[in-house]
Amino acid sequence: MSSTVHVIRHGEVENPKKILYGRQPGWRLSDRGQQMAGVIGEWSKGVDLGALHVSPLQRAQETAAPISAAHNIKITTDERLIEAANIFEGKSFEPGSGVLKHPASWRHLYNPFKPSWGEPYEEQINRMLAAVFAAKDAAKGKDAIVVSHQLPIWSLRSAIEGRSLLHDPRKRICTLASVTSVHFDDEGMISGLTYNEPAGHLLPKKKK
């Protein structure tokens, strides 16, 4: 029986100091992030939803809340959907500034293929695939939604599409509150992938 698992990235986080929050608890959605979550909740009404699996982190749970309300469906927390581990968590980490200016950090940057500064890509892919298949099975023939984080989602997509895992983070196609949909065929195998941005009109304008 064919079905789809929609993998959603959480909405914008309240983070004026541009901290790499990673797996730290207590990071909530900003006002705009709450608007994004509302848009995703409306978008989800077009899904024949059988399961809603969500990262344990607050920003993901808040993004999932309008979906849960729209479908009167319980959120199932899945630890496998959590953000990627990163040793720079809790520090300013903007390109060209923050923690990268300190020579003490450079020893962690020797292997971008793994990567050496955090959770290996292969581990992210394995746990995300397991979580996606678990959500598909839980939906019992309907579609499923999972809510996760940018890097694990992008690693999953790269693996499905056969893309190199070495990449420029600025070029990930996985915006806030975006939907990466993993499609399954009648035999339960991944048959394709599509991407859309229901909350694209709410994204912060890029500086020129």
Protein backbone atom coordinates (compact mmCIF):
# COMPACT_ATOMS: atom_id res chain seq x y z
CA MET A 1 0.00 0.00 0.00
CA SER A 2 1.61 3.27 -1.13
CA SER A 3 1.96 6.07 1.39
CA THR A 4 4.01 9.16 2.24
CA VAL A 5 5.93 10.30 5.30
CA HIS A 6 6.15 14.09 5.41
CA VAL A 7 9.34 15.15 7.20
CA ILE A 8 8.89 18.68 8.54
CA ARG A 9 11.55 21.01 9.86
CA HIS A 10 10.50 23.03 12.91
CA GLY A 11 9.67 26.75 12.68
CA GLU A 12 11.85 29.72 13.55
CA VAL A 13 13.38 29.73 17.04
CA GLU A 14 13.67 32.74 19.35
CA ASN A 15 17.45 33.19 19.14
CA PRO A 16 18.56 36.85 18.90
CA LYS A 17 22.16 36.04 19.88
CA LYS A 18 22.54 33.45 17.08
CA ILE A 19 23.54 30.62 19.40
CA LEU A 20 24.00 27.10 18.04
CA TYR A 21 21.34 25.62 20.32
CA GLY A 22 21.65 22.03 19.11
CA ARG A 23 20.11 19.60 21.59
CA GLN A 24 19.84 22.09 24.45
CA PRO A 25 16.41 22.14 26.10
CA GLY A 26 14.24 25.22 26.42
CA TRP A 27 14.60 26.78 22.98
CA ARG A 28 11.10 27.87 21.97
CA LEU A 29 9.62 29.12 18.73
CA SER A 30 9.66 32.84 18.03
CA ASP A 31 6.42 34.67 17.24
CA ARG A 32 7.15 34.11 13.55
CA GLY A 33 7.91 30.47 14.31
CA GLN A 34 4.49 30.13 15.90
CA GLN A 35 2.95 31.60 12.75
CA MET A 36 4.89 29.05 10.70
CA ALA A 37 3.56 26.26 12.91
CA GLY A 38 0.04 27.55 12.32
CA VAL A 39 0.57 27.48 8.57
CA ILE A 40 1.88 23.92 8.78
CA GLY A 41 -1.16 22.97 10.83
CA GLU A 42 -3.43 24.31 8.07
CA TRP A 43 -1.35 22.61 5.38
CA SER A 44 -1.63 19.30 7.24
CA LYS A 45 -5.42 19.29 6.87
CA GLY A 46 -4.86 18.03 3.33
CA VAL A 47 -3.05 14.94 4.65
CA ASP A 48 -4.85 11.69 5.48
CA LEU A 49 -2.86 11.48 8.69
CA GLY A 50 -2.33 8.24 10.58
CA ALA A 51 0.70 9.06 12.76
CA LEU A 52 2.52 12.12 14.11
CA HIS A 53 6.06 11.44 15.38
CA VAL A 54 8.14 14.31 16.73
CA SER A 55 11.62 15.14 18.03
CA PRO A 56 11.69 15.59 21.81
CA LEU A 57 13.05 19.13 21.56
CA GLN A 58 10.70 21.97 22.46
CA ARG A 59 10.83 23.76 19.09
CA ALA A 60 9.75 20.59 17.30
CA GLN A 61 6.99 19.81 19.79
CA GLU A 62 5.63 23.36 19.42
CA THR A 63 5.70 23.05 15.63
CA ALA A 64 3.74 19.81 15.84
CA ALA A 65 1.07 21.14 18.22
CA PRO A 66 -1.19 22.70 15.53
CA ILE A 67 -0.98 19.49 13.50
CA SER A 68 -2.02 17.49 16.54
CA ALA A 69 -4.94 19.84 17.16
CA ALA A 70 -6.06 19.85 13.52
CA HIS A 71 -6.29 16.06 13.39
CA ASN A 72 -7.09 15.32 17.03
CA ILE A 73 -4.11 12.99 16.98
CA LYS A 74 -1.59 12.36 19.75
CA ILE A 75 2.04 13.37 19.36
CA THR A 76 4.41 10.41 19.61
CA THR A 77 7.86 11.55 20.71
CA ASP A 78 10.70 9.75 18.91
CA GLU A 79 14.24 10.36 20.17
CA ARG A 80 15.62 9.31 16.78
CA LEU A 81 14.27 12.56 15.27
CA ILE A 82 16.43 14.76 17.52
CA GLU A 83 18.90 17.36 16.26
CA ALA A 84 22.42 16.22 15.33
CA ALA A 85 24.94 16.32 18.16
CA ASN A 86 27.55 19.08 17.82
CA ILE A 87 30.49 19.96 20.09
CA PHE A 88 29.95 23.68 19.41
CA GLU A 89 26.48 23.59 20.94
CA GLY A 90 25.72 26.60 23.11
CA LYS A 91 28.17 28.89 21.29
CA SER A 92 27.88 31.57 18.63
CA PHE A 93 28.49 29.83 15.34
CA GLU A 94 27.90 32.16 12.41
CA PRO A 95 30.22 31.77 9.38
CA GLY A 96 33.19 34.09 9.71
CA SER A 97 32.53 34.89 13.35
CA GLY A 98 32.00 33.43 16.80
CA VAL A 99 33.58 30.14 17.77
CA LEU A 100 35.36 29.65 14.42
CA LYS A 101 37.66 32.58 15.23
CA HIS A 102 39.27 30.63 18.08
CA PRO A 103 42.26 28.39 17.20
CA ALA A 104 41.20 25.97 19.97
CA SER A 105 38.18 25.09 17.82
CA TRP A 106 40.15 24.26 14.70
CA ARG A 107 41.22 20.80 15.94
CA HIS A 108 37.59 19.72 15.65
CA LEU A 109 37.34 20.67 11.98
CA TYR A 110 39.84 18.24 10.46
CA ASN A 111 37.36 15.86 8.83
CA PRO A 112 34.31 17.39 7.10
CA PHE A 113 33.37 14.00 5.63
CA LYS A 114 32.44 12.48 9.02
CA PRO A 115 32.00 15.27 10.33
CA SER A 116 34.63 15.49 13.07
CA TRP A 117 32.75 18.17 15.05
CA GLY A 118 29.62 16.18 15.70
CA GLU A 119 27.41 13.18 15.05
CA PRO A 120 28.56 11.22 11.98
CA TYR A 121 26.33 11.62 8.93
CA GLU A 122 25.85 7.85 8.65
CA GLU A 123 24.46 7.70 12.19
CA GLN A 124 22.04 10.52 11.41
CA ILE A 125 20.88 8.75 8.26
CA ASN A 126 20.39 5.41 10.00
CA ARG A 127 18.32 6.81 12.84
CA MET A 128 16.26 9.06 10.55
CA LEU A 129 15.49 6.17 8.20
CA ALA A 130 14.46 4.04 11.17
CA ALA A 131 12.21 6.83 12.46
CA VAL A 132 10.62 7.41 9.05
CA PHE A 133 9.87 3.70 8.56
CA ALA A 134 8.50 3.50 12.11
CA ALA A 135 6.14 6.41 11.42
CA LYS A 136 5.04 4.80 8.14
CA ASP A 137 4.26 1.54 9.92
CA ALA A 138 2.40 3.33 12.72
CA ALA A 139 0.19 5.14 10.17
CA LYS A 140 -1.24 1.77 9.03
CA GLY A 141 -1.68 2.65 5.37
CA LYS A 142 -2.35 6.36 5.87
CA ASP A 143 0.29 9.10 5.59
CA ALA A 144 2.53 10.09 8.48
CA ILE A 145 4.16 13.34 9.58
CA VAL A 146 7.44 13.57 11.46
CA VAL A 147 8.95 16.79 12.80
CA SER A 148 12.73 17.03 13.03
CA HIS A 149 15.65 19.36 12.37
CA GLN A 150 17.54 20.69 9.36
CA LEU A 151 20.78 18.69 9.33
CA PRO A 152 19.21 15.26 10.01
CA ILE A 153 16.57 15.97 7.37
CA TRP A 154 19.15 17.10 4.83
CA SER A 155 21.36 14.09 5.57
CA LEU A 156 18.34 11.82 5.03
CA ARG A 157 17.45 13.52 1.75
CA SER A 158 21.06 13.39 0.54
CA ALA A 159 21.19 9.66 1.21
CA ILE A 160 17.90 8.99 -0.58
CA GLU A 161 18.94 11.05 -3.60
CA GLY A 162 22.49 9.70 -3.68
CA ARG A 163 24.08 13.09 -3.01
CA SER A 164 27.48 13.58 -1.38
CA LEU A 165 27.21 14.05 2.37
CA LEU A 166 29.97 16.66 2.24
CA HIS A 167 28.17 19.96 1.68
CA ASP A 168 27.97 23.69 2.33
CA PRO A 169 25.42 24.23 5.15
CA ARG A 170 24.30 27.47 3.49
CA LYS A 171 23.10 25.50 0.46
CA ARG A 172 20.84 23.00 2.21
CA ILE A 173 17.39 22.93 0.64
CA CYS A 174 15.50 22.65 3.91
CA THR A 175 14.08 25.96 5.06
CA LEU A 176 12.22 26.61 8.28
CA ALA A 177 8.85 24.79 8.39
CA SER A 178 9.59 23.09 5.06
CA VAL A 179 8.21 19.69 4.09
CA THR A 180 10.43 16.95 2.66
CA SER A 181 8.04 14.19 1.63
CA VAL A 182 9.32 10.61 1.38
CA HIS A 183 7.08 8.50 -0.87
CA PHE A 184 6.69 4.73 -0.58
CA ASP A 185 5.47 2.26 -3.20
CA ASP A 186 3.02 -0.61 -2.75
CA GLU A 187 5.82 -2.85 -1.48
CA GLY A 188 6.82 -0.39 1.24
CA MET A 189 10.03 0.74 -0.43
CA ILE A 190 11.06 4.37 -0.92
CA SER A 191 9.99 5.39 -4.43
CA GLY A 192 10.78 9.10 -4.49
CA LEU A 193 10.99 12.40 -2.69
CA THR A 194 9.37 15.82 -3.08
CA TYR A 195 9.89 19.12 -1.30
CA ASN A 196 7.78 22.19 -0.64
CA GLU A 197 7.64 25.26 1.58
CA PRO A 198 4.09 25.93 2.83
CA ALA A 199 5.39 28.71 5.10
CA GLY A 200 7.80 30.16 2.54
CA HIS A 201 6.08 33.55 2.64
CA LEU A 202 7.05 33.84 6.31
CA LEU A 203 10.77 33.18 5.84
CA PRO A 204 13.12 36.02 6.86
CA LYS A 205 14.23 38.07 3.90
CA LYS A 206 17.80 37.36 2.87
CA LYS A 207 20.24 40.25 3.04
CA LYS A 208 21.65 41.27 -0.33
